[in-house]
Amino acid sequence: NGDAWYVARKDVANNTLYVAQGHEHPWLLANQLLAMDASWVAGNPPESGQYSAKTRYRQSDAPCTISFGGQESFGFELTFPEAQWAVTPGQSAVLYDGDVCLGGGIIAA
């Protein structure tokens, strides 16, 4: 199989790197993410509900639902009806309402 290999996960504590081959490997797909260090264009977070998000540069907007934890430091959680490819900790999750950018955060998990 000539498909590319991708880092799927890092286990720093055990010095282990998990890799997966090809775009469709289940380790590379995620239906939800947790983002921290949120920054909102309007200064305040949007209402919980249905929006769209991007988790990769030049990615098409993906429908999602945003929810918030009880503590501000929690950030927010996005849940996608369709699994998203290569949701990567350290990258940005950007939330949109139609064509309007609402803000986003840094993917933590």
PDB file of N, CA and C in Angstrom:
ATOM      1  N   ASN A   1       0.848  -1.183   0.000  1.00  0.00           N
ATOM      2  CA  ASN A   1       0.000   0.000   0.000  1.00  0.00           C
ATOM      3  C   ASN A   1       0.890   1.241   0.000  1.00  0.00           C
ATOM      4  N   GLY A   2       0.690   2.146  -0.939  1.00  0.00           N
ATOM      5  CA  GLY A   2       1.523   3.334  -1.067  1.00  0.00           C
ATOM      6  C   GLY A   2       0.977   4.578  -0.401  1.00  0.00           C
ATOM      7  N   ASP A   3      -0.074   4.438   0.428  1.00  0.00           N
ATOM      8  CA  ASP A   3      -0.651   5.602   1.102  1.00  0.00           C
ATOM      9  C   ASP A   3       0.331   6.205   2.095  1.00  0.00           C
ATOM     10  N   ALA A   4       0.210   7.496   2.297  1.00  0.00           N
ATOM     11  CA  ALA A   4       1.072   8.209   3.243  1.00  0.00           C
ATOM     12  C   ALA A   4       0.778   7.780   4.674  1.00  0.00           C
ATOM     13  N   TRP A   5       1.774   7.953   5.532  1.00  0.00           N
ATOM     14  CA  TRP A   5       1.637   7.693   6.965  1.00  0.00           C
ATOM     15  C   TRP A   5       1.452   9.012   7.684  1.00  0.00           C
ATOM     16  N   TYR A   6       0.618   9.014   8.727  1.00  0.00           N
ATOM     17  CA  TYR A   6       0.328  10.222   9.497  1.00  0.00           C
ATOM     18  C   TYR A   6       0.484   9.929  10.984  1.00  0.00           C
ATOM     19  N   VAL A   7       0.939  10.931  11.726  1.00  0.00           N
ATOM     20  CA  VAL A   7       0.980  10.807  13.178  1.00  0.00           C
ATOM     21  C   VAL A   7      -0.453  10.931  13.679  1.00  0.00           C
ATOM     22  N   ALA A   8      -0.931   9.907  14.356  1.00  0.00           N
ATOM     23  CA  ALA A   8      -2.303   9.897  14.859  1.00  0.00           C
ATOM     24  C   ALA A   8      -2.379  10.366  16.305  1.00  0.00           C
ATOM     25  N   ARG A   9      -1.325  10.097  17.071  1.00  0.00           N
ATOM     26  CA  ARG A   9      -1.346  10.463  18.483  1.00  0.00           C
ATOM     27  C   ARG A   9       0.065  10.389  19.041  1.00  0.00           C
ATOM     28  N   LYS A  10       0.325  11.230  20.035  1.00  0.00           N
ATOM     29  CA  LYS A  10       1.598  11.200  20.753  1.00  0.00           C
ATOM     30  C   LYS A  10       1.320  10.880  22.213  1.00  0.00           C
ATOM     31  N   ASP A  11       2.055   9.946  22.756  1.00  0.00           N
ATOM     32  CA  ASP A  11       2.003   9.632  24.181  1.00  0.00           C
ATOM     33  C   ASP A  11       3.354  10.043  24.755  1.00  0.00           C
ATOM     34  N   VAL A  12       3.443  11.299  25.160  1.00  0.00           N
ATOM     35  CA  VAL A  12       4.710  11.865  25.615  1.00  0.00           C
ATOM     36  C   VAL A  12       5.199  11.159  26.874  1.00  0.00           C
ATOM     37  N   ALA A  13       4.287  10.835  27.780  1.00  0.00           N
ATOM     38  CA  ALA A  13       4.670  10.202  29.046  1.00  0.00           C
ATOM     39  C   ALA A  13       5.385   8.870  28.824  1.00  0.00           C
ATOM     40  N   ASN A  14       4.966   8.130  27.808  1.00  0.00           N
ATOM     41  CA  ASN A  14       5.568   6.822  27.522  1.00  0.00           C
ATOM     42  C   ASN A  14       6.491   6.842  26.311  1.00  0.00           C
ATOM     43  N   ASN A  15       6.763   8.051  25.789  1.00  0.00           N
ATOM     44  CA  ASN A  15       7.658   8.214  24.640  1.00  0.00           C
ATOM     45  C   ASN A  15       7.218   7.327  23.460  1.00  0.00           C
ATOM     46  N   THR A  16       5.906   7.368  23.167  1.00  0.00           N
ATOM     47  CA  THR A  16       5.341   6.533  22.112  1.00  0.00           C
ATOM     48  C   THR A  16       4.622   7.401  21.087  1.00  0.00           C
ATOM     49  N   LEU A  17       4.860   7.101  19.819  1.00  0.00           N
ATOM     50  CA  LEU A  17       4.220   7.792  18.707  1.00  0.00           C
ATOM     51  C   LEU A  17       3.331   6.783  17.985  1.00  0.00           C
ATOM     52  N   TYR A  18       2.067   7.125  17.773  1.00  0.00           N
ATOM     53  CA  TYR A  18       1.134   6.265  17.057  1.00  0.00           C
ATOM     54  C   TYR A  18       0.961   6.816  15.650  1.00  0.00           C
ATOM     55  N   VAL A  19       1.126   5.959  14.648  1.00  0.00           N
ATOM     56  CA  VAL A  19       0.984   6.385  13.261  1.00  0.00           C
ATOM     57  C   VAL A  19      -0.087   5.540  12.581  1.00  0.00           C
ATOM     58  N   ALA A  20      -0.692   6.120  11.549  1.00  0.00           N
ATOM     59  CA  ALA A  20      -1.733   5.432  10.789  1.00  0.00           C
ATOM     60  C   ALA A  20      -1.497   5.699   9.311  1.00  0.00           C
ATOM     61  N   GLN A  21      -1.836   4.729   8.483  1.00  0.00           N
ATOM     62  CA  GLN A  21      -1.625   4.863   7.051  1.00  0.00           C
ATOM     63  C   GLN A  21      -2.946   5.152   6.342  1.00  0.00           C
ATOM     64  N   GLY A  22      -2.915   6.147   5.449  1.00  0.00           N
ATOM     65  CA  GLY A  22      -4.089   6.489   4.653  1.00  0.00           C
ATOM     66  C   GLY A  22      -5.007   7.489   5.330  1.00  0.00           C
ATOM     67  N   HIS A  23      -5.837   8.160   4.537  1.00  0.00           N
ATOM     68  CA  HIS A  23      -6.742   9.196   5.041  1.00  0.00           C
ATOM     69  C   HIS A  23      -7.935   8.648   5.818  1.00  0.00           C
ATOM     70  N   GLU A  24      -8.296   7.408   5.603  1.00  0.00           N
ATOM     71  CA  GLU A  24      -9.537   6.879   6.173  1.00  0.00           C
ATOM     72  C   GLU A  24      -9.343   6.067   7.450  1.00  0.00           C
ATOM     73  N   HIS A  25      -8.146   6.018   7.979  1.00  0.00           N
ATOM     74  CA  HIS A  25      -7.918   5.242   9.197  1.00  0.00           C
ATOM     75  C   HIS A  25      -8.719   5.854  10.347  1.00  0.00           C
ATOM     76  N   PRO A  26      -9.413   5.039  11.154  1.00  0.00           N
ATOM     77  CA  PRO A  26     -10.255   5.568  12.242  1.00  0.00           C
ATOM     78  C   PRO A  26      -9.502   6.435  13.242  1.00  0.00           C
ATOM     79  N   TRP A  27      -8.218   6.186  13.439  1.00  0.00           N
ATOM     80  CA  TRP A  27      -7.435   7.009  14.372  1.00  0.00           C
ATOM     81  C   TRP A  27      -7.326   8.452  13.904  1.00  0.00           C
ATOM     82  N   LEU A  28      -7.542   8.706  12.621  1.00  0.00           N
ATOM     83  CA  LEU A  28      -7.390  10.056  12.070  1.00  0.00           C
ATOM     84  C   LEU A  28      -8.709  10.814  11.995  1.00  0.00           C
ATOM     85  N   LEU A  29      -9.793  10.204  12.445  1.00  0.00           N
ATOM     86  CA  LEU A  29     -11.119  10.813  12.345  1.00  0.00           C
ATOM     87  C   LEU A  29     -11.672  11.107  13.734  1.00  0.00           C
ATOM     88  N   ALA A  30     -12.333  12.256  13.876  1.00  0.00           N
ATOM     89  CA  ALA A  30     -12.898  12.641  15.173  1.00  0.00           C
ATOM     90  C   ALA A  30     -14.254  13.308  14.980  1.00  0.00           C
ATOM     91  N   ASN A  31     -15.200  12.986  15.865  1.00  0.00           N
ATOM     92  CA  ASN A  31     -16.522  13.608  15.828  1.00  0.00           C
ATOM     93  C   ASN A  31     -16.653  14.763  16.803  1.00  0.00           C
ATOM     94  N   GLN A  32     -15.653  14.939  17.667  1.00  0.00           N
ATOM     95  CA  GLN A  32     -15.712  16.076  18.581  1.00  0.00           C
ATOM     96  C   GLN A  32     -14.305  16.501  18.962  1.00  0.00           C
ATOM     97  N   LEU A  33     -14.245  17.733  19.471  1.00  0.00           N
ATOM     98  CA  LEU A  33     -12.972  18.272  19.930  1.00  0.00           C
ATOM     99  C   LEU A  33     -13.220  19.198  21.106  1.00  0.00           C
ATOM    100  N   LEU A  34     -12.182  19.386  21.879  1.00  0.00           N
ATOM    101  CA  LEU A  34     -12.181  20.336  22.982  1.00  0.00           C
ATOM    102  C   LEU A  34     -11.176  21.416  22.630  1.00  0.00           C
ATOM    103  N   ALA A  35     -11.593  22.679  22.699  1.00  0.00           N
ATOM    104  CA  ALA A  35     -10.703  23.805  22.401  1.00  0.00           C
ATOM    105  C   ALA A  35     -10.575  24.703  23.626  1.00  0.00           C
ATOM    106  N   MET A  36      -9.388  25.237  23.824  1.00  0.00           N
ATOM    107  CA  MET A  36      -9.091  26.113  24.958  1.00  0.00           C
ATOM    108  C   MET A  36      -8.661  27.480  24.428  1.00  0.00           C
ATOM    109  N   ASP A  37      -8.415  28.399  25.359  1.00  0.00           N
ATOM    110  CA  ASP A  37      -7.909  29.733  25.009  1.00  0.00           C
ATOM    111  C   ASP A  37      -8.763  30.395  23.934  1.00  0.00           C
ATOM    112  N   ALA A  38     -10.070  30.356  24.126  1.00  0.00           N
ATOM    113  CA  ALA A  38     -10.998  30.909  23.140  1.00  0.00           C
ATOM    114  C   ALA A  38     -10.865  32.423  23.030  1.00  0.00           C
ATOM    115  N   SER A  39     -11.049  32.904  21.817  1.00  0.00           N
ATOM    116  CA  SER A  39     -11.067  34.334  21.526  1.00  0.00           C
ATOM    117  C   SER A  39     -12.270  34.592  20.623  1.00  0.00           C
ATOM    118  N   TRP A  40     -13.133  35.531  21.041  1.00  0.00           N
ATOM    119  CA  TRP A  40     -14.380  35.779  20.316  1.00  0.00           C
ATOM    120  C   TRP A  40     -14.375  37.180  19.726  1.00  0.00           C
ATOM    121  N   VAL A  41     -14.737  37.295  18.456  1.00  0.00           N
ATOM    122  CA  VAL A  41     -14.740  38.572  17.736  1.00  0.00           C
ATOM    123  C   VAL A  41     -15.604  39.596  18.463  1.00  0.00           C
ATOM    124  N   ALA A  42     -16.764  39.191  18.966  1.00  0.00           N
ATOM    125  CA  ALA A  42     -17.683  40.108  19.646  1.00  0.00           C
ATOM    126  C   ALA A  42     -17.302  40.340  21.110  1.00  0.00           C
ATOM    127  N   GLY A  43     -16.272  39.653  21.586  1.00  0.00           N
ATOM    128  CA  GLY A  43     -15.856  39.794  22.974  1.00  0.00           C
ATOM    129  C   GLY A  43     -16.469  38.762  23.895  1.00  0.00           C
ATOM    130  N   ASN A  44     -17.636  38.253  23.536  1.00  0.00           N
ATOM    131  CA  ASN A  44     -18.327  37.235  24.325  1.00  0.00           C
ATOM    132  C   ASN A  44     -18.561  36.005  23.460  1.00  0.00           C
ATOM    133  N   PRO A  45     -18.628  34.823  24.081  1.00  0.00           N
ATOM    134  CA  PRO A  45     -18.884  33.620  23.283  1.00  0.00           C
ATOM    135  C   PRO A  45     -20.297  33.629  22.711  1.00  0.00           C
ATOM    136  N   PRO A  46     -20.497  32.917  21.605  1.00  0.00           N
ATOM    137  CA  PRO A  46     -21.848  32.812  21.040  1.00  0.00           C
ATOM    138  C   PRO A  46     -22.713  31.909  21.916  1.00  0.00           C
ATOM    139  N   GLU A  47     -23.996  31.905  21.633  1.00  0.00           N
ATOM    140  CA  GLU A  47     -24.916  30.988  22.310  1.00  0.00           C
ATOM    141  C   GLU A  47     -24.559  29.555  21.919  1.00  0.00           C
ATOM    142  N   SER A  48     -24.800  28.612  22.810  1.00  0.00           N
ATOM    143  CA  SER A  48     -24.662  27.202  22.443  1.00  0.00           C
ATOM    144  C   SER A  48     -25.634  26.917  21.310  1.00  0.00           C
ATOM    145  N   GLY A  49     -25.232  26.088  20.357  1.00  0.00           N
ATOM    146  CA  GLY A  49     -26.125  25.770  19.254  1.00  0.00           C
ATOM    147  C   GLY A  49     -25.394  25.320  18.013  1.00  0.00           C
ATOM    148  N   GLN A  50     -26.095  25.424  16.878  1.00  0.00           N
ATOM    149  CA  GLN A  50     -25.607  24.939  15.591  1.00  0.00           C
ATOM    150  C   GLN A  50     -24.848  26.033  14.845  1.00  0.00           C
ATOM    151  N   TYR A  51     -23.641  25.705  14.412  1.00  0.00           N
ATOM    152  CA  TYR A  51     -22.807  26.612  13.624  1.00  0.00           C
ATOM    153  C   TYR A  51     -22.038  25.770  12.620  1.00  0.00           C
ATOM    154  N   SER A  52     -20.948  26.319  12.107  1.00  0.00           N
ATOM    155  CA  SER A  52     -20.010  25.537  11.309  1.00  0.00           C
ATOM    156  C   SER A  52     -18.607  25.891  11.785  1.00  0.00           C
ATOM    157  N   ALA A  53     -17.657  25.016  11.467  1.00  0.00           N
ATOM    158  CA  ALA A  53     -16.292  25.234  11.939  1.00  0.00           C
ATOM    159  C   ALA A  53     -15.291  24.717  10.922  1.00  0.00           C
ATOM    160  N   LYS A  54     -14.083  25.243  11.041  1.00  0.00           N
ATOM    161  CA  LYS A  54     -12.930  24.739  10.290  1.00  0.00           C
ATOM    162  C   LYS A  54     -11.872  24.324  11.300  1.00  0.00           C
ATOM    163  N   THR A  55     -11.246  23.182  11.032  1.00  0.00           N
ATOM    164  CA  THR A  55     -10.156  22.725  11.884  1.00  0.00           C
ATOM    165  C   THR A  55      -8.854  22.595  11.110  1.00  0.00           C
ATOM    166  N   ARG A  56      -8.899  22.895   9.813  1.00  0.00           N
ATOM    167  CA  ARG A  56      -7.708  22.849   8.965  1.00  0.00           C
ATOM    168  C   ARG A  56      -7.790  23.974   7.940  1.00  0.00           C
ATOM    169  N   TYR A  57      -6.630  24.466   7.531  1.00  0.00           N
ATOM    170  CA  TYR A  57      -6.528  25.516   6.521  1.00  0.00           C
ATOM    171  C   TYR A  57      -7.146  25.028   5.212  1.00  0.00           C
ATOM    172  N   ARG A  58      -7.924  25.877   4.581  1.00  0.00           N
ATOM    173  CA  ARG A  58      -8.592  25.607   3.302  1.00  0.00           C
ATOM    174  C   ARG A  58      -9.619  24.482   3.369  1.00  0.00           C
ATOM    175  N   GLN A  59     -10.000  24.088   4.553  1.00  0.00           N
ATOM    176  CA  GLN A  59     -11.033  23.073   4.724  1.00  0.00           C
ATOM    177  C   GLN A  59     -12.399  23.707   4.479  1.00  0.00           C
ATOM    178  N   SER A  60     -13.319  22.933   3.947  1.00  0.00           N
ATOM    179  CA  SER A  60     -14.698  23.409   3.841  1.00  0.00           C
ATOM    180  C   SER A  60     -15.289  23.510   5.240  1.00  0.00           C
ATOM    181  N   ASP A  61     -16.219  24.458   5.411  1.00  0.00           N
ATOM    182  CA  ASP A  61     -16.915  24.555   6.693  1.00  0.00           C
ATOM    183  C   ASP A  61     -17.645  23.239   6.968  1.00  0.00           C
ATOM    184  N   ALA A  62     -17.602  22.801   8.209  1.00  0.00           N
ATOM    185  CA  ALA A  62     -18.288  21.574   8.613  1.00  0.00           C
ATOM    186  C   ALA A  62     -19.345  21.922   9.653  1.00  0.00           C
ATOM    187  N   PRO A  63     -20.593  21.477   9.469  1.00  0.00           N
ATOM    188  CA  PRO A  63     -21.624  21.730  10.476  1.00  0.00           C
ATOM    189  C   PRO A  63     -21.186  21.173  11.827  1.00  0.00           C
ATOM    190  N   CYS A  64     -21.538  21.888  12.890  1.00  0.00           N
ATOM    191  CA  CYS A  64     -21.171  21.445  14.233  1.00  0.00           C
ATOM    192  C   CYS A  64     -22.112  22.060  15.261  1.00  0.00           C
ATOM    193  N   THR A  65     -22.026  21.540  16.457  1.00  0.00           N
ATOM    194  CA  THR A  65     -22.737  22.083  17.608  1.00  0.00           C
ATOM    195  C   THR A  65     -21.689  22.491  18.622  1.00  0.00           C
ATOM    196  N   ILE A  66     -21.831  23.705  19.176  1.00  0.00           N
ATOM    197  CA  ILE A  66     -20.897  24.165  20.198  1.00  0.00           C
ATOM    198  C   ILE A  66     -21.572  24.089  21.562  1.00  0.00           C
ATOM    199  N   SER A  67     -20.795  23.685  22.555  1.00  0.00           N
ATOM    200  CA  SER A  67     -21.270  23.690  23.938  1.00  0.00           C
ATOM    201  C   SER A  67     -20.131  24.168  24.827  1.00  0.00           C
ATOM    202  N   PHE A  68     -20.507  24.662  25.997  1.00  0.00           N
ATOM    203  CA  PHE A  68     -19.538  25.249  26.917  1.00  0.00           C
ATOM    204  C   PHE A  68     -19.590  24.535  28.252  1.00  0.00           C
ATOM    205  N   GLY A  69     -18.425  24.457  28.916  1.00  0.00           N
ATOM    206  CA  GLY A  69     -18.362  23.872  30.253  1.00  0.00           C
ATOM    207  C   GLY A  69     -18.740  24.902  31.296  1.00  0.00           C
ATOM    208  N   GLY A  70     -18.753  24.473  32.525  1.00  0.00           N
ATOM    209  CA  GLY A  70     -19.140  25.352  33.621  1.00  0.00           C
ATOM    210  C   GLY A  70     -18.080  26.362  34.010  1.00  0.00           C
ATOM    211  N   GLN A  71     -16.826  26.129  33.632  1.00  0.00           N
ATOM    212  CA  GLN A  71     -15.746  27.037  33.994  1.00  0.00           C
ATOM    213  C   GLN A  71     -15.197  27.698  32.746  1.00  0.00           C
ATOM    214  N   GLU A  72     -14.829  28.956  32.866  1.00  0.00           N
ATOM    215  CA  GLU A  72     -14.318  29.700  31.718  1.00  0.00           C
ATOM    216  C   GLU A  72     -13.061  29.057  31.144  1.00  0.00           C
ATOM    217  N   SER A  73     -12.223  28.473  32.005  1.00  0.00           N
ATOM    218  CA  SER A  73     -10.978  27.882  31.527  1.00  0.00           C
ATOM    219  C   SER A  73     -11.213  26.628  30.687  1.00  0.00           C
ATOM    220  N   PHE A  74     -12.427  26.074  30.747  1.00  0.00           N
ATOM    221  CA  PHE A  74     -12.766  24.876  29.979  1.00  0.00           C
ATOM    222  C   PHE A  74     -12.668  25.137  28.487  1.00  0.00           C
ATOM    223  N   GLY A  75     -13.005  26.322  28.049  1.00  0.00           N
ATOM    224  CA  GLY A  75     -13.051  26.598  26.623  1.00  0.00           C
ATOM    225  C   GLY A  75     -14.390  26.174  26.058  1.00  0.00           C
ATOM    226  N   PHE A  76     -14.372  25.404  24.983  1.00  0.00           N
ATOM    227  CA  PHE A  76     -15.619  24.944  24.378  1.00  0.00           C
ATOM    228  C   PHE A  76     -15.421  23.594  23.716  1.00  0.00           C
ATOM    229  N   GLU A  77     -16.543  22.931  23.462  1.00  0.00           N
ATOM    230  CA  GLU A  77     -16.526  21.643  22.783  1.00  0.00           C
ATOM    231  C   GLU A  77     -17.319  21.762  21.496  1.00  0.00           C
ATOM    232  N   LEU A  78     -16.779  21.224  20.415  1.00  0.00           N
ATOM    233  CA  LEU A  78     -17.489  21.141  19.144  1.00  0.00           C
ATOM    234  C   LEU A  78     -17.796  19.681  18.866  1.00  0.00           C
ATOM    235  N   THR A  79     -19.031  19.425  18.447  1.00  0.00           N
ATOM    236  CA  THR A  79     -19.449  18.082  18.060  1.00  0.00           C
ATOM    237  C   THR A  79     -19.894  18.142  16.605  1.00  0.00           C
ATOM    238  N   PHE A  80     -19.372  17.234  15.797  1.00  0.00           N
ATOM    239  CA  PHE A  80     -19.646  17.194  14.364  1.00  0.00           C
ATOM    240  C   PHE A  80     -20.499  15.974  14.034  1.00  0.00           C
ATOM    241  N   PRO A  81     -21.548  16.130  13.196  1.00  0.00           N
ATOM    242  CA  PRO A  81     -22.347  14.969  12.800  1.00  0.00           C
ATOM    243  C   PRO A  81     -21.558  14.006  11.909  1.00  0.00           C
ATOM    244  N   GLU A  82     -20.581  14.535  11.161  1.00  0.00           N
ATOM    245  CA  GLU A  82     -19.710  13.701  10.329  1.00  0.00           C
ATOM    246  C   GLU A  82     -18.285  13.832  10.844  1.00  0.00           C
ATOM    247  N   ALA A  83     -17.588  12.710  10.944  1.00  0.00           N
ATOM    248  CA  ALA A  83     -16.218  12.710  11.456  1.00  0.00           C
ATOM    249  C   ALA A  83     -15.325  13.628  10.621  1.00  0.00           C
ATOM    250  N   GLN A  84     -14.453  14.341  11.309  1.00  0.00           N
ATOM    251  CA  GLN A  84     -13.519  15.268  10.677  1.00  0.00           C
ATOM    252  C   GLN A  84     -12.131  14.640  10.633  1.00  0.00           C
ATOM    253  N   TRP A  85     -11.406  14.900   9.545  1.00  0.00           N
ATOM    254  CA  TRP A  85     -10.086  14.312   9.352  1.00  0.00           C
ATOM    255  C   TRP A  85      -9.010  15.137  10.046  1.00  0.00           C
ATOM    256  N   ALA A  86      -8.134  14.464  10.747  1.00  0.00           N
ATOM    257  CA  ALA A  86      -6.911  15.031  11.324  1.00  0.00           C
ATOM    258  C   ALA A  86      -7.155  16.246  12.211  1.00  0.00           C
ATOM    259  N   VAL A  87      -8.085  16.130  13.141  1.00  0.00           N
ATOM    260  CA  VAL A  87      -8.277  17.164  14.164  1.00  0.00           C
ATOM    261  C   VAL A  87      -7.052  17.079  15.070  1.00  0.00           C
ATOM    262  N   THR A  88      -6.248  18.144  15.082  1.00  0.00           N
ATOM    263  CA  THR A  88      -4.912  18.076  15.668  1.00  0.00           C
ATOM    264  C   THR A  88      -4.734  19.036  16.833  1.00  0.00           C
ATOM    265  N   PRO A  89      -4.385  18.519  18.030  1.00  0.00           N
ATOM    266  CA  PRO A  89      -4.087  19.411  19.159  1.00  0.00           C
ATOM    267  C   PRO A  89      -3.008  20.426  18.788  1.00  0.00           C
ATOM    268  N   GLY A  90      -3.228  21.659  19.234  1.00  0.00           N
ATOM    269  CA  GLY A  90      -2.299  22.745  18.930  1.00  0.00           C
ATOM    270  C   GLY A  90      -2.722  23.584  17.735  1.00  0.00           C
ATOM    271  N   GLN A  91      -3.619  23.059  16.905  1.00  0.00           N
ATOM    272  CA  GLN A  91      -4.130  23.804  15.757  1.00  0.00           C
ATOM    273  C   GLN A  91      -5.385  24.575  16.172  1.00  0.00           C
ATOM    274  N   SER A  92      -5.859  25.428  15.300  1.00  0.00           N
ATOM    275  CA  SER A  92      -7.031  26.259  15.599  1.00  0.00           C
ATOM    276  C   SER A  92      -8.331  25.589  15.177  1.00  0.00           C
ATOM    277  N   ALA A  93      -9.368  25.830  15.958  1.00  0.00           N
ATOM    278  CA  ALA A  93     -10.747  25.505  15.590  1.00  0.00           C
ATOM    279  C   ALA A  93     -11.454  26.849  15.476  1.00  0.00           C
ATOM    280  N   VAL A  94     -11.948  27.173  14.277  1.00  0.00           N
ATOM    281  CA  VAL A  94     -12.555  28.478  14.019  1.00  0.00           C
ATOM    282  C   VAL A  94     -14.042  28.284  13.752  1.00  0.00           C
ATOM    283  N   LEU A  95     -14.855  29.049  14.469  1.00  0.00           N
ATOM    284  CA  LEU A  95     -16.310  28.913  14.426  1.00  0.00           C
ATOM    285  C   LEU A  95     -16.926  30.002  13.550  1.00  0.00           C
ATOM    286  N   TYR A  96     -17.915  29.609  12.742  1.00  0.00           N
ATOM    287  CA  TYR A  96     -18.608  30.527  11.837  1.00  0.00           C
ATOM    288  C   TYR A  96     -20.117  30.422  12.020  1.00  0.00           C
ATOM    289  N   ASP A  97     -20.787  31.554  11.786  1.00  0.00           N
ATOM    290  CA  ASP A  97     -22.237  31.600  11.657  1.00  0.00           C
ATOM    291  C   ASP A  97     -22.485  32.069  10.232  1.00  0.00           C
ATOM    292  N   GLY A  98     -22.702  31.127   9.325  1.00  0.00           N
ATOM    293  CA  GLY A  98     -22.745  31.467   7.901  1.00  0.00           C
ATOM    294  C   GLY A  98     -21.358  31.900   7.458  1.00  0.00           C
ATOM    295  N   ASP A  99     -21.260  33.105   6.865  1.00  0.00           N
ATOM    296  CA  ASP A  99     -19.970  33.640   6.422  1.00  0.00           C
ATOM    297  C   ASP A  99     -19.277  34.474   7.493  1.00  0.00           C
ATOM    298  N   VAL A 100     -19.897  34.629   8.647  1.00  0.00           N
ATOM    299  CA  VAL A 100     -19.366  35.489   9.707  1.00  0.00           C
ATOM    300  C   VAL A 100     -18.499  34.671  10.664  1.00  0.00           C
ATOM    301  N   CYS A 101     -17.242  35.086  10.808  1.00  0.00           N
ATOM    302  CA  CYS A 101     -16.336  34.439  11.753  1.00  0.00           C
ATOM    303  C   CYS A 101     -16.676  34.913  13.165  1.00  0.00           C
ATOM    304  N   LEU A 102     -16.960  33.961  14.058  1.00  0.00           N
ATOM    305  CA  LEU A 102     -17.310  34.289  15.440  1.00  0.00           C
ATOM    306  C   LEU A 102     -16.098  34.264  16.363  1.00  0.00           C
ATOM    307  N   GLY A 103     -15.076  33.525  15.975  1.00  0.00           N
ATOM    308  CA  GLY A 103     -13.881  33.377  16.801  1.00  0.00           C
ATOM    309  C   GLY A 103     -13.456  31.930  16.821  1.00  0.00           C
ATOM    310  N   GLY A 104     -12.707  31.561  17.847  1.00  0.00           N
ATOM    311  CA  GLY A 104     -12.256  30.182  17.923  1.00  0.00           C
ATOM    312  C   GLY A 104     -11.345  29.955  19.100  1.00  0.00           C
ATOM    313  N   GLY A 105     -10.658  28.830  19.064  1.00  0.00           N
ATOM    314  CA  GLY A 105      -9.747  28.458  20.136  1.00  0.00           C
ATOM    315  C   GLY A 105      -8.714  27.469  19.635  1.00  0.00           C
ATOM    316  N   ILE A 106      -7.846  27.057  20.540  1.00  0.00           N
ATOM    317  CA  ILE A 106      -6.784  26.115  20.218  1.00  0.00           C
ATOM    318  C   ILE A 106      -7.248  24.707  20.598  1.00  0.00           C
ATOM    319  N   ILE A 107      -7.153  23.794  19.651  1.00  0.00           N
ATOM    320  CA  ILE A 107      -7.587  22.419  19.888  1.00  0.00           C
ATOM    321  C   ILE A 107      -6.696  21.783  20.954  1.00  0.00           C
ATOM    322  N   ALA A 108      -7.340  21.298  22.021  1.00  0.00           N
ATOM    323  CA  ALA A 108      -6.614  20.650  23.116  1.00  0.00           C
ATOM    324  C   ALA A 108      -6.747  19.126  23.042  1.00  0.00           C
ATOM    325  N   ALA A 109      -7.872  18.658  22.581  1.00  0.00           N
ATOM    326  CA  ALA A 109      -8.103  17.202  22.482  1.00  0.00           C
ATOM    327  C   ALA A 109      -9.236  16.929  21.510  1.00  0.00           C
TER     328      ALA A 109
END
